[in-house]
Amino acid sequence: MDFDFPAPYDHEVPRRIGEARRQLSPEGVAVLERIIADESGDLEDIIAVMESLPTSDRDALVGISRFFAEAYDA
């Protein structure tokens, strides 16, 4: 995984992804991979899938998505 973010995001993004993978259920990890790959291009589809996940997975995915947005803005 090669992200082109400025410091400190260049190290923090991969660390947080690894942390999220350890916390999430297998279904949550699959959604995380879709978010990372942006393969669907359809945010509504990802949100719909997230709604079927346990609250802990949803909270973790929302948190990392917000962090990704912060990193992309930097």
C-alpha atoms as a PDB file:
ATOM      1  CA  MET A   1       0.000   0.000   0.000  1.00  0.00           C
ATOM      2  CA  ASP A   2       1.601   3.222  -1.146  1.00  0.00           C
ATOM      3  CA  PHE A   3      -0.018   6.474  -0.105  1.00  0.00           C
ATOM      4  CA  ASP A   4       1.356   9.829  -1.130  1.00  0.00           C
ATOM      5  CA  PHE A   5       0.519  11.897   1.957  1.00  0.00           C
ATOM      6  CA  PRO A   6       2.644  14.554   3.636  1.00  0.00           C
ATOM      7  CA  ALA A   7       4.163  13.867   7.047  1.00  0.00           C
ATOM      8  CA  PRO A   8       2.897  12.764   9.517  1.00  0.00           C
ATOM      9  CA  TYR A   9       0.083  11.204   7.477  1.00  0.00           C
ATOM     10  CA  ASP A  10       2.520   9.186   5.351  1.00  0.00           C
ATOM     11  CA  HIS A  11       3.201   7.017   8.422  1.00  0.00           C
ATOM     12  CA  GLU A  12      -0.043   7.491  10.319  1.00  0.00           C
ATOM     13  CA  VAL A  13      -2.435   6.323   7.581  1.00  0.00           C
ATOM     14  CA  PRO A  14      -0.857   2.846   7.189  1.00  0.00           C
ATOM     15  CA  ARG A  15      -0.631   2.502  10.985  1.00  0.00           C
ATOM     16  CA  ARG A  16      -4.309   3.323  11.431  1.00  0.00           C
ATOM     17  CA  ILE A  17      -5.305   0.952   8.633  1.00  0.00           C
ATOM     18  CA  GLY A  18      -3.424  -1.862  10.374  1.00  0.00           C
ATOM     19  CA  GLU A  19      -5.059  -0.964  13.661  1.00  0.00           C
ATOM     20  CA  ALA A  20      -8.508  -0.979  12.060  1.00  0.00           C
ATOM     21  CA  ARG A  21      -7.897  -4.368  10.421  1.00  0.00           C
ATOM     22  CA  ARG A  22      -7.152  -5.860  13.849  1.00  0.00           C
ATOM     23  CA  GLN A  23     -10.335  -4.385  15.380  1.00  0.00           C
ATOM     24  CA  LEU A  24     -12.840  -5.078  12.617  1.00  0.00           C
ATOM     25  CA  SER A  25     -14.864  -8.184  11.911  1.00  0.00           C
ATOM     26  CA  PRO A  26     -14.095  -9.946   8.601  1.00  0.00           C
ATOM     27  CA  GLU A  27     -17.074  -8.137   7.063  1.00  0.00           C
ATOM     28  CA  GLY A  28     -15.769  -4.824   8.387  1.00  0.00           C
ATOM     29  CA  VAL A  29     -12.336  -5.515   6.893  1.00  0.00           C
ATOM     30  CA  ALA A  30     -13.992  -6.148   3.516  1.00  0.00           C
ATOM     31  CA  VAL A  31     -15.680  -2.737   3.707  1.00  0.00           C
ATOM     32  CA  LEU A  32     -12.392  -1.121   4.756  1.00  0.00           C
ATOM     33  CA  GLU A  33     -10.710  -2.649   1.706  1.00  0.00           C
ATOM     34  CA  ARG A  34     -13.455  -1.207  -0.509  1.00  0.00           C
ATOM     35  CA  ILE A  35     -12.961   2.215   1.060  1.00  0.00           C
ATOM     36  CA  ILE A  36      -9.182   2.012   0.531  1.00  0.00           C
ATOM     37  CA  ALA A  37      -9.500   0.799  -3.056  1.00  0.00           C
ATOM     38  CA  ASP A  38     -12.459   3.077  -3.788  1.00  0.00           C
ATOM     39  CA  GLU A  39     -13.443   0.290  -6.151  1.00  0.00           C
ATOM     40  CA  SER A  40     -17.148   0.947  -6.180  1.00  0.00           C
ATOM     41  CA  GLY A  41     -17.011   4.708  -6.523  1.00  0.00           C
ATOM     42  CA  ASP A  42     -20.466   4.657  -4.943  1.00  0.00           C
ATOM     43  CA  LEU A  43     -20.451   6.109  -1.456  1.00  0.00           C
ATOM     44  CA  GLU A  44     -24.139   5.277  -0.983  1.00  0.00           C
ATOM     45  CA  ASP A  45     -23.405   1.595  -1.630  1.00  0.00           C
ATOM     46  CA  ILE A  46     -20.613   1.558   0.953  1.00  0.00           C
ATOM     47  CA  ILE A  47     -22.841   3.324   3.489  1.00  0.00           C
ATOM     48  CA  ALA A  48     -25.600   0.769   2.909  1.00  0.00           C
ATOM     49  CA  VAL A  49     -23.188  -2.094   3.526  1.00  0.00           C
ATOM     50  CA  MET A  50     -21.826  -0.351   6.633  1.00  0.00           C
ATOM     51  CA  GLU A  51     -25.343  -0.109   8.078  1.00  0.00           C
ATOM     52  CA  SER A  52     -25.514  -3.897   8.226  1.00  0.00           C
ATOM     53  CA  LEU A  53     -22.326  -4.097  10.315  1.00  0.00           C
ATOM     54  CA  PRO A  54     -22.111  -4.113  14.111  1.00  0.00           C
ATOM     55  CA  THR A  55     -21.929  -0.694  15.756  1.00  0.00           C
ATOM     56  CA  SER A  56     -18.274  -1.174  16.695  1.00  0.00           C
ATOM     57  CA  ASP A  57     -17.355  -1.789  13.034  1.00  0.00           C
ATOM     58  CA  ARG A  58     -19.386   1.201  11.864  1.00  0.00           C
ATOM     59  CA  ASP A  59     -17.771   3.480  14.429  1.00  0.00           C
ATOM     60  CA  ALA A  60     -14.271   2.319  13.472  1.00  0.00           C
ATOM     61  CA  LEU A  61     -14.954   2.730   9.743  1.00  0.00           C
ATOM     62  CA  VAL A  62     -16.424   6.203  10.182  1.00  0.00           C
ATOM     63  CA  GLY A  63     -13.403   7.194  12.260  1.00  0.00           C
ATOM     64  CA  ILE A  64     -10.871   5.980   9.730  1.00  0.00           C
ATOM     65  CA  SER A  65     -12.855   7.504   6.860  1.00  0.00           C
ATOM     66  CA  ARG A  66     -12.711  10.872   8.596  1.00  0.00           C
ATOM     67  CA  PHE A  67      -8.981  10.446   9.111  1.00  0.00           C
ATOM     68  CA  PHE A  68      -8.546   9.612   5.403  1.00  0.00           C
ATOM     69  CA  ALA A  69     -10.415  12.815   4.534  1.00  0.00           C
ATOM     70  CA  GLU A  70      -8.123  14.798   6.831  1.00  0.00           C
ATOM     71  CA  ALA A  71      -5.052  13.196   5.223  1.00  0.00           C
ATOM     72  CA  TYR A  72      -6.313  13.912   1.689  1.00  0.00           C
ATOM     73  CA  ASP A  73      -6.985  17.540   2.652  1.00  0.00           C
ATOM     74  CA  ALA A  74      -3.430  17.942   3.989  1.00  0.00           C
END
